[in-house]
Amino acid sequence: MTRRRSLAIEIALVTAALLAVIHLLYFARGSSFIGPRISYFVAYLLLGVPVLVLWLRRRPLDFFDTGWRALLSSALIFAVAALAIFPPFLLGAHAWQRLVMHAGAFSPAGFPDFGNALLFQLLLIALPEEFYFRGYVQSAMNSIFERRWSFIGTRFGWGLPITAAIFAVAHTFVTYQWWHFSIFFPALVFGYLRERTGSVIAPTLFHAASNLLMNWFARCYS
């Protein structure tokens, strides 16, 4: 019980301090120094803070694939998840755009800067966020809450939805958008992929793919 309480306090304090610093960075993004570099600063914090905490607490950084076979397995699981989730999601999103938002007709948009967008999403958005939330936070949560449920052969516990909720709230804490509550739902998928593979690689790939897909999809309606 003492170790679980210690981990809960650690997660709360580290996450609160980290989000406070990131919020200050966004508040100062009008600065000519911070503004153009804010994505790099945030990525550095999301990667560096958990590494420092794990080192100080003498806990292993064990949420990456080790070896090509594990890496290929994570890539395959990501591909299966993307094929299972993205098509029905797009159909539902299209219905929402047409019936609720009364958007114009769907017209496939181009993606001329796809290479740079892919690198940006992978290295500065998806990887740092998954490293912190699914790597550091969810791993610690799994030491607090027993993984007593199973879905398609993968065990998980309260750590998965709690981490997803923290992830969604974190976005609102940094910079408010009314739709941030919806982040909770893809975060459940990120968390499940982390449990399925034991690694943050599959959720990182799915996270980046989701962001790229939504970036493109939003530009397909007039």
C-alpha atoms as a PDB file:
ATOM      1  CA  MET A   1       0.000   0.000   0.000  1.00  0.00           C
ATOM      2  CA  THR A   2       2.827   2.411   0.850  1.00  0.00           C
ATOM      3  CA  ARG A   3       4.481   1.855  -2.549  1.00  0.00           C
ATOM      4  CA  ARG A   4       1.180   2.374  -4.367  1.00  0.00           C
ATOM      5  CA  ARG A   5       0.531   5.605  -2.489  1.00  0.00           C
ATOM      6  CA  SER A   6       4.069   6.761  -3.227  1.00  0.00           C
ATOM      7  CA  LEU A   7       3.610   6.070  -6.947  1.00  0.00           C
ATOM      8  CA  ALA A   8       0.255   7.892  -7.019  1.00  0.00           C
ATOM      9  CA  ILE A   9       1.781  10.949  -5.336  1.00  0.00           C
ATOM     10  CA  GLU A  10       4.746  10.812  -7.692  1.00  0.00           C
ATOM     11  CA  ILE A  11       2.541  10.716 -10.802  1.00  0.00           C
ATOM     12  CA  ALA A  12       0.370  13.568  -9.517  1.00  0.00           C
ATOM     13  CA  LEU A  13       3.283  15.834  -8.586  1.00  0.00           C
ATOM     14  CA  VAL A  14       5.410  15.146 -11.661  1.00  0.00           C
ATOM     15  CA  THR A  15       2.489  15.527 -14.055  1.00  0.00           C
ATOM     16  CA  ALA A  16       1.225  18.708 -12.393  1.00  0.00           C
ATOM     17  CA  ALA A  17       4.699  20.285 -12.449  1.00  0.00           C
ATOM     18  CA  LEU A  18       5.296  19.233 -16.049  1.00  0.00           C
ATOM     19  CA  LEU A  19       1.945  20.583 -17.258  1.00  0.00           C
ATOM     20  CA  ALA A  20       2.500  23.837 -15.386  1.00  0.00           C
ATOM     21  CA  VAL A  21       5.823  24.380 -17.175  1.00  0.00           C
ATOM     22  CA  ILE A  22       4.296  23.477 -20.557  1.00  0.00           C
ATOM     23  CA  HIS A  23       1.385  25.847 -19.870  1.00  0.00           C
ATOM     24  CA  LEU A  24       3.869  28.641 -19.189  1.00  0.00           C
ATOM     25  CA  LEU A  25       5.618  27.854 -22.461  1.00  0.00           C
ATOM     26  CA  TYR A  26       2.337  28.143 -24.360  1.00  0.00           C
ATOM     27  CA  PHE A  27       1.547  31.356 -22.508  1.00  0.00           C
ATOM     28  CA  ALA A  28       4.889  32.741 -23.716  1.00  0.00           C
ATOM     29  CA  ARG A  29       4.618  31.400 -27.269  1.00  0.00           C
ATOM     30  CA  GLY A  30       4.372  34.946 -28.591  1.00  0.00           C
ATOM     31  CA  SER A  31       8.076  35.313 -27.800  1.00  0.00           C
ATOM     32  CA  SER A  32      10.349  35.224 -30.848  1.00  0.00           C
ATOM     33  CA  PHE A  33      12.574  32.743 -29.010  1.00  0.00           C
ATOM     34  CA  ILE A  34       9.960  30.358 -27.597  1.00  0.00           C
ATOM     35  CA  GLY A  35       7.320  30.493 -30.332  1.00  0.00           C
ATOM     36  CA  PRO A  36       9.258  28.838 -33.177  1.00  0.00           C
ATOM     37  CA  ARG A  37      10.801  26.272 -30.812  1.00  0.00           C
ATOM     38  CA  ILE A  38       7.860  25.422 -28.544  1.00  0.00           C
ATOM     39  CA  SER A  39       7.331  21.946 -30.035  1.00  0.00           C
ATOM     40  CA  TYR A  40      10.988  21.098 -29.342  1.00  0.00           C
ATOM     41  CA  PHE A  41      10.798  22.368 -25.758  1.00  0.00           C
ATOM     42  CA  VAL A  42       7.638  20.387 -25.035  1.00  0.00           C
ATOM     43  CA  ALA A  43       9.047  17.220 -26.623  1.00  0.00           C
ATOM     44  CA  TYR A  44      12.240  17.575 -24.591  1.00  0.00           C
ATOM     45  CA  LEU A  45      10.244  17.881 -21.353  1.00  0.00           C
ATOM     46  CA  LEU A  46       7.975  14.928 -22.135  1.00  0.00           C
ATOM     47  CA  LEU A  47      10.998  12.751 -22.889  1.00  0.00           C
ATOM     48  CA  GLY A  48      13.473  14.096 -20.359  1.00  0.00           C
ATOM     49  CA  VAL A  49      11.335  14.370 -17.231  1.00  0.00           C
ATOM     50  CA  PRO A  50      10.298  10.674 -17.062  1.00  0.00           C
ATOM     51  CA  VAL A  51      13.852   9.553 -17.815  1.00  0.00           C
ATOM     52  CA  LEU A  52      15.094  11.666 -14.902  1.00  0.00           C
ATOM     53  CA  VAL A  53      12.342  10.452 -12.570  1.00  0.00           C
ATOM     54  CA  LEU A  54      12.895   6.787 -13.436  1.00  0.00           C
ATOM     55  CA  TRP A  55      16.644   7.202 -12.936  1.00  0.00           C
ATOM     56  CA  LEU A  56      16.193   8.907  -9.567  1.00  0.00           C
ATOM     57  CA  ARG A  57      13.661   6.303  -8.442  1.00  0.00           C
ATOM     58  CA  ARG A  58      15.786   3.443  -9.788  1.00  0.00           C
ATOM     59  CA  ARG A  59      13.034   2.004 -11.940  1.00  0.00           C
ATOM     60  CA  PRO A  60      13.701   0.542 -15.391  1.00  0.00           C
ATOM     61  CA  LEU A  61      12.804   2.214 -18.658  1.00  0.00           C
ATOM     62  CA  ASP A  62      11.293  -0.949 -20.090  1.00  0.00           C
ATOM     63  CA  PHE A  63       8.520   0.182 -22.409  1.00  0.00           C
ATOM     64  CA  PHE A  64      10.340  -0.080 -25.753  1.00  0.00           C
ATOM     65  CA  ASP A  65      10.598  -3.050 -28.100  1.00  0.00           C
ATOM     66  CA  THR A  66      13.859  -4.958 -27.850  1.00  0.00           C
ATOM     67  CA  GLY A  67      14.922  -6.558 -31.104  1.00  0.00           C
ATOM     68  CA  TRP A  68      13.637  -6.518 -34.680  1.00  0.00           C
ATOM     69  CA  ARG A  69      11.081  -9.268 -34.091  1.00  0.00           C
ATOM     70  CA  ALA A  70       9.329  -7.317 -31.345  1.00  0.00           C
ATOM     71  CA  LEU A  71       9.515  -4.137 -33.415  1.00  0.00           C
ATOM     72  CA  LEU A  72       7.944  -5.838 -36.430  1.00  0.00           C
ATOM     73  CA  SER A  73       5.254  -7.312 -34.186  1.00  0.00           C
ATOM     74  CA  SER A  74       4.382  -3.840 -32.896  1.00  0.00           C
ATOM     75  CA  ALA A  75       4.251  -2.503 -36.462  1.00  0.00           C
ATOM     76  CA  LEU A  76       1.941  -5.347 -37.492  1.00  0.00           C
ATOM     77  CA  ILE A  77      -0.371  -4.814 -34.515  1.00  0.00           C
ATOM     78  CA  PHE A  78      -0.504  -1.104 -35.355  1.00  0.00           C
ATOM     79  CA  ALA A  79      -1.443  -1.929 -38.954  1.00  0.00           C
ATOM     80  CA  VAL A  80      -4.216  -4.304 -37.877  1.00  0.00           C
ATOM     81  CA  ALA A  81      -5.597  -1.721 -35.425  1.00  0.00           C
ATOM     82  CA  ALA A  82      -5.495   1.010 -38.079  1.00  0.00           C
ATOM     83  CA  LEU A  83      -7.326  -1.163 -40.626  1.00  0.00           C
ATOM     84  CA  ALA A  84      -9.942  -2.125 -38.046  1.00  0.00           C
ATOM     85  CA  ILE A  85     -10.565   1.364 -36.633  1.00  0.00           C
ATOM     86  CA  PHE A  86      -9.882   4.028 -39.256  1.00  0.00           C
ATOM     87  CA  PRO A  87     -12.422   3.028 -41.970  1.00  0.00           C
ATOM     88  CA  PRO A  88     -15.514   2.915 -39.689  1.00  0.00           C
ATOM     89  CA  PHE A  89     -14.301   6.056 -37.909  1.00  0.00           C
ATOM     90  CA  LEU A  90     -14.067   7.938 -41.206  1.00  0.00           C
ATOM     91  CA  LEU A  91     -17.564   6.814 -42.205  1.00  0.00           C
ATOM     92  CA  GLY A  92     -18.926   8.060 -38.887  1.00  0.00           C
ATOM     93  CA  ALA A  93     -16.963  11.320 -39.133  1.00  0.00           C
ATOM     94  CA  HIS A  94     -18.275  11.860 -42.665  1.00  0.00           C
ATOM     95  CA  ALA A  95     -21.861  11.392 -41.451  1.00  0.00           C
ATOM     96  CA  TRP A  96     -21.181  13.888 -38.638  1.00  0.00           C
ATOM     97  CA  GLN A  97     -19.777  16.462 -41.064  1.00  0.00           C
ATOM     98  CA  ARG A  98     -22.702  16.170 -43.462  1.00  0.00           C
ATOM     99  CA  LEU A  99     -25.644  15.683 -41.107  1.00  0.00           C
ATOM    100  CA  VAL A 100     -24.615  17.654 -38.027  1.00  0.00           C
ATOM    101  CA  MET A 101     -22.058  20.204 -39.195  1.00  0.00           C
ATOM    102  CA  HIS A 102     -23.767  20.664 -42.601  1.00  0.00           C
ATOM    103  CA  ALA A 103     -20.365  20.745 -44.281  1.00  0.00           C
ATOM    104  CA  GLY A 104     -19.966  20.812 -48.040  1.00  0.00           C
ATOM    105  CA  ALA A 105     -19.321  17.760 -50.154  1.00  0.00           C
ATOM    106  CA  PHE A 106     -16.294  15.592 -49.433  1.00  0.00           C
ATOM    107  CA  SER A 107     -13.396  16.407 -51.738  1.00  0.00           C
ATOM    108  CA  PRO A 108     -10.072  14.593 -51.137  1.00  0.00           C
ATOM    109  CA  ALA A 109      -7.425  17.126 -50.155  1.00  0.00           C
ATOM    110  CA  GLY A 110      -3.785  16.957 -51.111  1.00  0.00           C
ATOM    111  CA  PHE A 111      -0.929  16.495 -48.665  1.00  0.00           C
ATOM    112  CA  PRO A 112       2.055  18.176 -50.377  1.00  0.00           C
ATOM    113  CA  ASP A 113       4.178  18.415 -47.230  1.00  0.00           C
ATOM    114  CA  PHE A 114       3.450  14.877 -46.019  1.00  0.00           C
ATOM    115  CA  GLY A 115       7.089  13.942 -45.307  1.00  0.00           C
ATOM    116  CA  ASN A 116       7.714  16.858 -42.973  1.00  0.00           C
ATOM    117  CA  ALA A 117       4.306  16.416 -41.351  1.00  0.00           C
ATOM    118  CA  LEU A 118       5.038  12.728 -40.756  1.00  0.00           C
ATOM    119  CA  LEU A 119       8.381  13.448 -39.087  1.00  0.00           C
ATOM    120  CA  PHE A 120       6.858  16.234 -37.008  1.00  0.00           C
ATOM    121  CA  GLN A 121       4.002  14.049 -35.790  1.00  0.00           C
ATOM    122  CA  LEU A 122       6.210  11.040 -35.080  1.00  0.00           C
ATOM    123  CA  LEU A 123       9.188  12.700 -33.405  1.00  0.00           C
ATOM    124  CA  LEU A 124       7.782  15.850 -31.788  1.00  0.00           C
ATOM    125  CA  ILE A 125       4.192  14.904 -30.974  1.00  0.00           C
ATOM    126  CA  ALA A 126       3.398  11.183 -30.851  1.00  0.00           C
ATOM    127  CA  LEU A 127       6.645   9.743 -29.486  1.00  0.00           C
ATOM    128  CA  PRO A 128       7.116  12.278 -26.642  1.00  0.00           C
ATOM    129  CA  GLU A 129       3.453  12.085 -25.596  1.00  0.00           C
ATOM    130  CA  GLU A 130       3.363   8.285 -25.708  1.00  0.00           C
ATOM    131  CA  PHE A 131       6.714   8.089 -23.925  1.00  0.00           C
ATOM    132  CA  TYR A 132       5.353  10.139 -21.048  1.00  0.00           C
ATOM    133  CA  PHE A 133       1.736   9.018 -20.792  1.00  0.00           C
ATOM    134  CA  ARG A 134       1.723   5.408 -21.988  1.00  0.00           C
ATOM    135  CA  GLY A 135       5.333   4.746 -21.023  1.00  0.00           C
ATOM    136  CA  TYR A 136       5.869   6.483 -17.703  1.00  0.00           C
ATOM    137  CA  VAL A 137       2.344   7.142 -16.400  1.00  0.00           C
ATOM    138  CA  GLN A 138       0.562   3.973 -17.523  1.00  0.00           C
ATOM    139  CA  SER A 139       3.457   1.778 -16.406  1.00  0.00           C
ATOM    140  CA  ALA A 140       3.295   3.337 -12.947  1.00  0.00           C
ATOM    141  CA  MET A 141      -0.504   3.053 -12.934  1.00  0.00           C
ATOM    142  CA  ASN A 142      -0.188  -0.663 -13.655  1.00  0.00           C
ATOM    143  CA  SER A 143       1.849  -0.984 -10.464  1.00  0.00           C
ATOM    144  CA  ILE A 144      -0.977   0.693  -8.553  1.00  0.00           C
ATOM    145  CA  PHE A 145      -3.962  -1.076 -10.127  1.00  0.00           C
ATOM    146  CA  GLU A 146      -4.162  -4.765 -10.858  1.00  0.00           C
ATOM    147  CA  ARG A 147      -4.781  -5.701 -14.497  1.00  0.00           C
ATOM    148  CA  ARG A 148      -7.885  -7.772 -13.858  1.00  0.00           C
ATOM    149  CA  TRP A 149      -9.736  -7.438 -17.183  1.00  0.00           C
ATOM    150  CA  SER A 150      -9.026  -8.937 -20.585  1.00  0.00           C
ATOM    151  CA  PHE A 151      -9.971  -7.906 -24.128  1.00  0.00           C
ATOM    152  CA  ILE A 152      -8.902  -9.912 -27.187  1.00  0.00           C
ATOM    153  CA  GLY A 153      -6.255 -11.680 -25.156  1.00  0.00           C
ATOM    154  CA  THR A 154      -4.795  -8.525 -23.592  1.00  0.00           C
ATOM    155  CA  ARG A 155      -4.977  -7.841 -19.883  1.00  0.00           C
ATOM    156  CA  PHE A 156      -5.462  -4.326 -18.513  1.00  0.00           C
ATOM    157  CA  GLY A 157      -6.742  -2.549 -15.449  1.00  0.00           C
ATOM    158  CA  TRP A 158      -7.853   0.853 -14.220  1.00  0.00           C
ATOM    159  CA  GLY A 159      -4.444   2.217 -15.193  1.00  0.00           C
ATOM    160  CA  LEU A 160      -5.494   2.300 -18.856  1.00  0.00           C
ATOM    161  CA  PRO A 161      -8.646   4.487 -18.611  1.00  0.00           C
ATOM    162  CA  ILE A 162      -7.183   6.653 -15.851  1.00  0.00           C
ATOM    163  CA  THR A 163      -4.128   7.374 -17.998  1.00  0.00           C
ATOM    164  CA  ALA A 164      -6.422   8.135 -20.949  1.00  0.00           C
ATOM    165  CA  ALA A 165      -8.367  10.592 -18.784  1.00  0.00           C
ATOM    166  CA  ILE A 166      -5.164  12.276 -17.564  1.00  0.00           C
ATOM    167  CA  PHE A 167      -4.010  12.512 -21.175  1.00  0.00           C
ATOM    168  CA  ALA A 168      -7.237  14.252 -22.249  1.00  0.00           C
ATOM    169  CA  VAL A 169      -7.271  16.631 -19.277  1.00  0.00           C
ATOM    170  CA  ALA A 170      -3.603  17.463 -19.862  1.00  0.00           C
ATOM    171  CA  HIS A 171      -4.444  18.888 -23.292  1.00  0.00           C
ATOM    172  CA  THR A 172      -7.122  21.127 -21.790  1.00  0.00           C
ATOM    173  CA  PHE A 173      -4.823  22.232 -18.977  1.00  0.00           C
ATOM    174  CA  VAL A 174      -2.156  23.325 -21.451  1.00  0.00           C
ATOM    175  CA  THR A 175      -4.449  25.138 -23.892  1.00  0.00           C
ATOM    176  CA  TYR A 176      -8.247  24.863 -23.774  1.00  0.00           C
ATOM    177  CA  GLN A 177     -10.303  23.569 -26.704  1.00  0.00           C
ATOM    178  CA  TRP A 178     -13.926  22.475 -26.222  1.00  0.00           C
ATOM    179  CA  TRP A 179     -13.385  19.198 -28.077  1.00  0.00           C
ATOM    180  CA  HIS A 180     -10.542  17.975 -25.864  1.00  0.00           C
ATOM    181  CA  PHE A 181     -12.870  15.577 -24.029  1.00  0.00           C
ATOM    182  CA  SER A 182     -12.936  13.469 -27.213  1.00  0.00           C
ATOM    183  CA  ILE A 183      -9.184  12.808 -26.886  1.00  0.00           C
ATOM    184  CA  PHE A 184     -10.079  10.294 -24.184  1.00  0.00           C
ATOM    185  CA  PHE A 185     -11.401   7.818 -26.760  1.00  0.00           C
ATOM    186  CA  PRO A 186      -8.351   7.463 -29.048  1.00  0.00           C
ATOM    187  CA  ALA A 187      -6.253   7.484 -25.869  1.00  0.00           C
ATOM    188  CA  LEU A 188      -8.018   4.250 -24.881  1.00  0.00           C
ATOM    189  CA  VAL A 189      -6.715   2.723 -28.115  1.00  0.00           C
ATOM    190  CA  PHE A 190      -3.202   4.051 -27.436  1.00  0.00           C
ATOM    191  CA  GLY A 191      -3.331   2.522 -23.983  1.00  0.00           C
ATOM    192  CA  TYR A 192      -4.628  -0.793 -25.250  1.00  0.00           C
ATOM    193  CA  LEU A 193      -1.852  -1.022 -27.846  1.00  0.00           C
ATOM    194  CA  ARG A 194       0.690  -0.325 -25.122  1.00  0.00           C
ATOM    195  CA  GLU A 195      -0.730  -3.204 -23.064  1.00  0.00           C
ATOM    196  CA  ARG A 196      -0.971  -5.465 -26.096  1.00  0.00           C
ATOM    197  CA  THR A 197       2.659  -5.033 -27.109  1.00  0.00           C
ATOM    198  CA  GLY A 198       4.316  -4.006 -23.825  1.00  0.00           C
ATOM    199  CA  SER A 199       5.852  -1.139 -25.774  1.00  0.00           C
ATOM    200  CA  VAL A 200       5.092   2.459 -26.776  1.00  0.00           C
ATOM    201  CA  ILE A 201       6.007   1.867 -30.437  1.00  0.00           C
ATOM    202  CA  ALA A 202       2.563   0.688 -31.624  1.00  0.00           C
ATOM    203  CA  PRO A 203       0.692   3.495 -29.818  1.00  0.00           C
ATOM    204  CA  THR A 204       3.205   6.015 -31.162  1.00  0.00           C
ATOM    205  CA  LEU A 205       2.553   4.861 -34.730  1.00  0.00           C
ATOM    206  CA  PHE A 206      -1.219   4.868 -34.200  1.00  0.00           C
ATOM    207  CA  HIS A 207      -1.085   8.291 -32.526  1.00  0.00           C
ATOM    208  CA  ALA A 208       0.890   9.835 -35.388  1.00  0.00           C
ATOM    209  CA  ALA A 209      -1.330   8.174 -38.002  1.00  0.00           C
ATOM    210  CA  SER A 210      -4.460   9.453 -36.237  1.00  0.00           C
ATOM    211  CA  ASN A 211      -3.164  13.032 -36.187  1.00  0.00           C
ATOM    212  CA  LEU A 212      -2.149  12.912 -39.835  1.00  0.00           C
ATOM    213  CA  LEU A 213      -5.474  11.382 -40.825  1.00  0.00           C
ATOM    214  CA  MET A 214      -7.471  14.043 -38.986  1.00  0.00           C
ATOM    215  CA  ASN A 215      -5.302  16.798 -40.432  1.00  0.00           C
ATOM    216  CA  TRP A 216      -6.115  15.544 -43.926  1.00  0.00           C
ATOM    217  CA  PHE A 217      -9.768  14.751 -43.221  1.00  0.00           C
ATOM    218  CA  ALA A 218     -10.503  18.217 -41.847  1.00  0.00           C
ATOM    219  CA  ARG A 219      -9.264  19.743 -45.104  1.00  0.00           C
ATOM    220  CA  CYS A 220     -11.552  17.578 -47.242  1.00  0.00           C
ATOM    221  CA  TYR A 221     -14.680  19.639 -46.567  1.00  0.00           C
ATOM    222  CA  SER A 222     -15.495  23.122 -47.746  1.00  0.00           C
END
